[in-house]
Amino acid sequence: MTDESAPAPSEVVVVIEEEVVLRGGAGTTTWLVPHNDGTVRPQRHPSASSEQLDRGAGIVWRTRITLRLERGAVLTRVHTRPSARRRSALEHLTSGASAPQRATTRTRFRVAAGGKLVEVPPTKPERTK
């Protein structure tokens, strides 16, 4: 018999945040981690320690963040990239000085044993009949 009120064991989790130079603009990878009743950037988590990593060609910055999270916690990785959609000359001229189009992808991960991050399959929207 298991005690369901016992807290889940904690695991050491490592995530990498970075900004890289891509064709059409910068691409960034950031994370959101659970804390209290919401989420925070991993550097702001009380258990976090961070380390700036070496920058190679095309890397603006890269940071490794190590933190302790409960097994089963859900993290969100946020990728932001320049949009692959090309605008026509007319769209470019009529859009003004707006920022370039960006594509953002959010992927959820669950903390597993050993601090491994396992992708959570996206939920399918329910169909109505």
C-alpha atoms as a PDB file:
ATOM      1  CA  MET A   1       0.000   0.000   0.000  1.00  0.00           C
ATOM      2  CA  THR A   2       1.386   3.415  -0.986  1.00  0.00           C
ATOM      3  CA  ASP A   3       0.925   6.709   0.779  1.00  0.00           C
ATOM      4  CA  GLU A   4      -0.600   9.031  -1.850  1.00  0.00           C
ATOM      5  CA  SER A   5      -0.054  12.082   0.357  1.00  0.00           C
ATOM      6  CA  ALA A   6       3.735  11.625   0.301  1.00  0.00           C
ATOM      7  CA  PRO A   7       5.504  14.098  -2.003  1.00  0.00           C
ATOM      8  CA  ALA A   8       6.972  12.769  -5.239  1.00  0.00           C
ATOM      9  CA  PRO A   9      10.728  12.220  -5.142  1.00  0.00           C
ATOM     10  CA  SER A  10      12.754  15.100  -6.504  1.00  0.00           C
ATOM     11  CA  GLU A  11      15.108  14.802  -9.461  1.00  0.00           C
ATOM     12  CA  VAL A  12      18.008  16.878 -10.759  1.00  0.00           C
ATOM     13  CA  VAL A  13      16.988  18.330 -14.136  1.00  0.00           C
ATOM     14  CA  VAL A  14      19.224  20.120 -16.638  1.00  0.00           C
ATOM     15  CA  VAL A  15      17.875  22.424 -19.359  1.00  0.00           C
ATOM     16  CA  ILE A  16      19.670  24.566 -21.941  1.00  0.00           C
ATOM     17  CA  GLU A  17      18.454  28.016 -22.948  1.00  0.00           C
ATOM     18  CA  GLU A  18      19.994  29.752 -25.939  1.00  0.00           C
ATOM     19  CA  GLU A  19      19.760  32.299 -28.702  1.00  0.00           C
ATOM     20  CA  VAL A  20      21.200  31.462 -32.098  1.00  0.00           C
ATOM     21  CA  VAL A  21      21.561  33.331 -35.387  1.00  0.00           C
ATOM     22  CA  LEU A  22      19.343  31.918 -38.121  1.00  0.00           C
ATOM     23  CA  ARG A  23      18.462  33.001 -41.629  1.00  0.00           C
ATOM     24  CA  GLY A  24      15.852  35.721 -41.229  1.00  0.00           C
ATOM     25  CA  GLY A  25      16.594  36.545 -37.574  1.00  0.00           C
ATOM     26  CA  ALA A  26      17.389  35.118 -34.184  1.00  0.00           C
ATOM     27  CA  GLY A  27      16.038  31.871 -32.790  1.00  0.00           C
ATOM     28  CA  THR A  28      15.598  31.314 -29.068  1.00  0.00           C
ATOM     29  CA  THR A  29      14.956  28.325 -26.853  1.00  0.00           C
ATOM     30  CA  THR A  30      13.637  29.044 -23.368  1.00  0.00           C
ATOM     31  CA  TRP A  31      11.874  26.987 -20.690  1.00  0.00           C
ATOM     32  CA  LEU A  32       9.053  27.436 -18.202  1.00  0.00           C
ATOM     33  CA  VAL A  33       9.213  25.354 -15.020  1.00  0.00           C
ATOM     34  CA  PRO A  34       6.579  24.826 -12.320  1.00  0.00           C
ATOM     35  CA  HIS A  35       6.855  26.838  -9.120  1.00  0.00           C
ATOM     36  CA  ASN A  36       4.100  27.270  -6.517  1.00  0.00           C
ATOM     37  CA  ASP A  37       0.832  27.705  -8.454  1.00  0.00           C
ATOM     38  CA  GLY A  38       2.382  28.863 -11.737  1.00  0.00           C
ATOM     39  CA  THR A  39       5.503  28.742 -13.854  1.00  0.00           C
ATOM     40  CA  VAL A  40       8.763  30.684 -13.868  1.00  0.00           C
ATOM     41  CA  ARG A  41      11.853  30.821 -16.035  1.00  0.00           C
ATOM     42  CA  PRO A  42      14.267  28.180 -14.703  1.00  0.00           C
ATOM     43  CA  GLN A  43      16.842  30.730 -13.503  1.00  0.00           C
ATOM     44  CA  ARG A  44      14.216  32.117 -11.094  1.00  0.00           C
ATOM     45  CA  HIS A  45      13.445  28.743  -9.495  1.00  0.00           C
ATOM     46  CA  PRO A  46      14.768  28.604  -5.897  1.00  0.00           C
ATOM     47  CA  SER A  47      16.819  25.453  -6.568  1.00  0.00           C
ATOM     48  CA  ALA A  48      18.427  26.735  -9.792  1.00  0.00           C
ATOM     49  CA  SER A  49      22.083  27.161 -10.551  1.00  0.00           C
ATOM     50  CA  SER A  50      23.169  28.375 -13.964  1.00  0.00           C
ATOM     51  CA  GLU A  51      26.326  28.315 -16.011  1.00  0.00           C
ATOM     52  CA  GLN A  52      27.152  30.305 -19.131  1.00  0.00           C
ATOM     53  CA  LEU A  53      28.429  27.940 -21.817  1.00  0.00           C
ATOM     54  CA  ASP A  54      30.966  28.648 -24.536  1.00  0.00           C
ATOM     55  CA  ARG A  55      29.607  30.381 -27.598  1.00  0.00           C
ATOM     56  CA  GLY A  56      30.439  28.935 -30.980  1.00  0.00           C
ATOM     57  CA  ALA A  57      29.736  30.238 -34.462  1.00  0.00           C
ATOM     58  CA  GLY A  58      26.177  31.536 -34.703  1.00  0.00           C
ATOM     59  CA  ILE A  59      25.485  31.316 -30.951  1.00  0.00           C
ATOM     60  CA  VAL A  60      24.582  34.594 -29.263  1.00  0.00           C
ATOM     61  CA  TRP A  61      24.334  33.063 -25.765  1.00  0.00           C
ATOM     62  CA  ARG A  62      23.842  29.636 -24.219  1.00  0.00           C
ATOM     63  CA  THR A  63      23.076  28.859 -20.572  1.00  0.00           C
ATOM     64  CA  ARG A  64      22.853  25.514 -18.763  1.00  0.00           C
ATOM     65  CA  ILE A  65      20.441  25.578 -15.816  1.00  0.00           C
ATOM     66  CA  THR A  66      20.428  22.800 -13.227  1.00  0.00           C
ATOM     67  CA  LEU A  67      17.500  22.571 -10.829  1.00  0.00           C
ATOM     68  CA  ARG A  68      15.674  20.130  -8.603  1.00  0.00           C
ATOM     69  CA  LEU A  69      12.049  19.341  -9.497  1.00  0.00           C
ATOM     70  CA  GLU A  70       9.533  16.743  -8.352  1.00  0.00           C
ATOM     71  CA  ARG A  71       9.224  13.644 -10.500  1.00  0.00           C
ATOM     72  CA  GLY A  72       6.129  14.097 -12.665  1.00  0.00           C
ATOM     73  CA  ALA A  73       6.460  17.898 -12.880  1.00  0.00           C
ATOM     74  CA  VAL A  74       5.660  19.334 -16.318  1.00  0.00           C
ATOM     75  CA  LEU A  75       8.034  21.776 -18.027  1.00  0.00           C
ATOM     76  CA  THR A  76       7.411  23.698 -21.245  1.00  0.00           C
ATOM     77  CA  ARG A  77      10.111  24.308 -23.855  1.00  0.00           C
ATOM     78  CA  VAL A  78       9.447  27.390 -25.998  1.00  0.00           C
ATOM     79  CA  HIS A  79      11.153  27.588 -29.422  1.00  0.00           C
ATOM     80  CA  THR A  80      10.877  30.898 -31.248  1.00  0.00           C
ATOM     81  CA  ARG A  81      12.174  31.083 -34.799  1.00  0.00           C
ATOM     82  CA  PRO A  82      11.843  33.399 -37.787  1.00  0.00           C
ATOM     83  CA  SER A  83       8.772  32.404 -39.774  1.00  0.00           C
ATOM     84  CA  ALA A  84       9.453  30.312 -42.860  1.00  0.00           C
ATOM     85  CA  ARG A  85       6.627  32.101 -44.653  1.00  0.00           C
ATOM     86  CA  ARG A  86       7.962  34.622 -47.134  1.00  0.00           C
ATOM     87  CA  ARG A  87       6.028  37.818 -47.619  1.00  0.00           C
ATOM     88  CA  SER A  88       5.348  39.203 -51.059  1.00  0.00           C
ATOM     89  CA  ALA A  89       6.876  42.527 -52.055  1.00  0.00           C
ATOM     90  CA  LEU A  90       3.455  44.147 -51.650  1.00  0.00           C
ATOM     91  CA  GLU A  91       3.020  42.686 -48.121  1.00  0.00           C
ATOM     92  CA  HIS A  92       6.498  43.919 -47.216  1.00  0.00           C
ATOM     93  CA  LEU A  93       5.819  47.439 -48.472  1.00  0.00           C
ATOM     94  CA  THR A  94       2.379  47.744 -46.886  1.00  0.00           C
ATOM     95  CA  SER A  95       3.235  46.216 -43.503  1.00  0.00           C
ATOM     96  CA  GLY A  96       5.278  49.175 -42.329  1.00  0.00           C
ATOM     97  CA  ALA A  97       8.236  48.782 -39.984  1.00  0.00           C
ATOM     98  CA  SER A  98       6.736  45.926 -38.025  1.00  0.00           C
ATOM     99  CA  ALA A  99       8.947  43.237 -36.557  1.00  0.00           C
ATOM    100  CA  PRO A 100       9.603  40.152 -38.679  1.00  0.00           C
ATOM    101  CA  GLN A 101       7.094  37.312 -38.458  1.00  0.00           C
ATOM    102  CA  ARG A 102       7.979  34.726 -35.802  1.00  0.00           C
ATOM    103  CA  ALA A 103       6.976  31.100 -35.371  1.00  0.00           C
ATOM    104  CA  THR A 104       6.661  29.779 -31.812  1.00  0.00           C
ATOM    105  CA  THR A 105       6.438  26.130 -30.814  1.00  0.00           C
ATOM    106  CA  ARG A 106       5.658  24.995 -27.261  1.00  0.00           C
ATOM    107  CA  THR A 107       6.524  21.432 -26.250  1.00  0.00           C
ATOM    108  CA  ARG A 108       5.679  19.954 -22.848  1.00  0.00           C
ATOM    109  CA  PHE A 109       7.934  17.519 -20.998  1.00  0.00           C
ATOM    110  CA  ARG A 110       7.409  15.492 -17.814  1.00  0.00           C
ATOM    111  CA  VAL A 111      10.228  14.852 -15.325  1.00  0.00           C
ATOM    112  CA  ALA A 112      10.943  11.109 -15.131  1.00  0.00           C
ATOM    113  CA  ALA A 113      13.289   9.040 -12.963  1.00  0.00           C
ATOM    114  CA  GLY A 114      16.891  10.188 -13.117  1.00  0.00           C
ATOM    115  CA  GLY A 115      15.863  13.707 -14.201  1.00  0.00           C
ATOM    116  CA  LYS A 116      15.099  12.535 -17.720  1.00  0.00           C
ATOM    117  CA  LEU A 117      12.635  14.746 -19.623  1.00  0.00           C
ATOM    118  CA  VAL A 118       9.969  12.769 -21.493  1.00  0.00           C
ATOM    119  CA  GLU A 119       7.864  14.565 -24.106  1.00  0.00           C
ATOM    120  CA  VAL A 120       4.164  14.779 -23.255  1.00  0.00           C
ATOM    121  CA  PRO A 121       2.075  14.038 -26.358  1.00  0.00           C
ATOM    122  CA  PRO A 122      -0.087  17.001 -27.384  1.00  0.00           C
ATOM    123  CA  THR A 123      -3.733  16.661 -26.512  1.00  0.00           C
ATOM    124  CA  LYS A 124      -6.164  16.398 -29.389  1.00  0.00           C
ATOM    125  CA  PRO A 125      -9.080  18.814 -29.340  1.00  0.00           C
ATOM    126  CA  GLU A 126     -12.378  17.089 -28.683  1.00  0.00           C
ATOM    127  CA  ARG A 127     -14.789  16.856 -31.580  1.00  0.00           C
ATOM    128  CA  THR A 128     -18.370  17.904 -31.168  1.00  0.00           C
ATOM    129  CA  LYS A 129     -21.119  16.044 -32.987  1.00  0.00           C
END
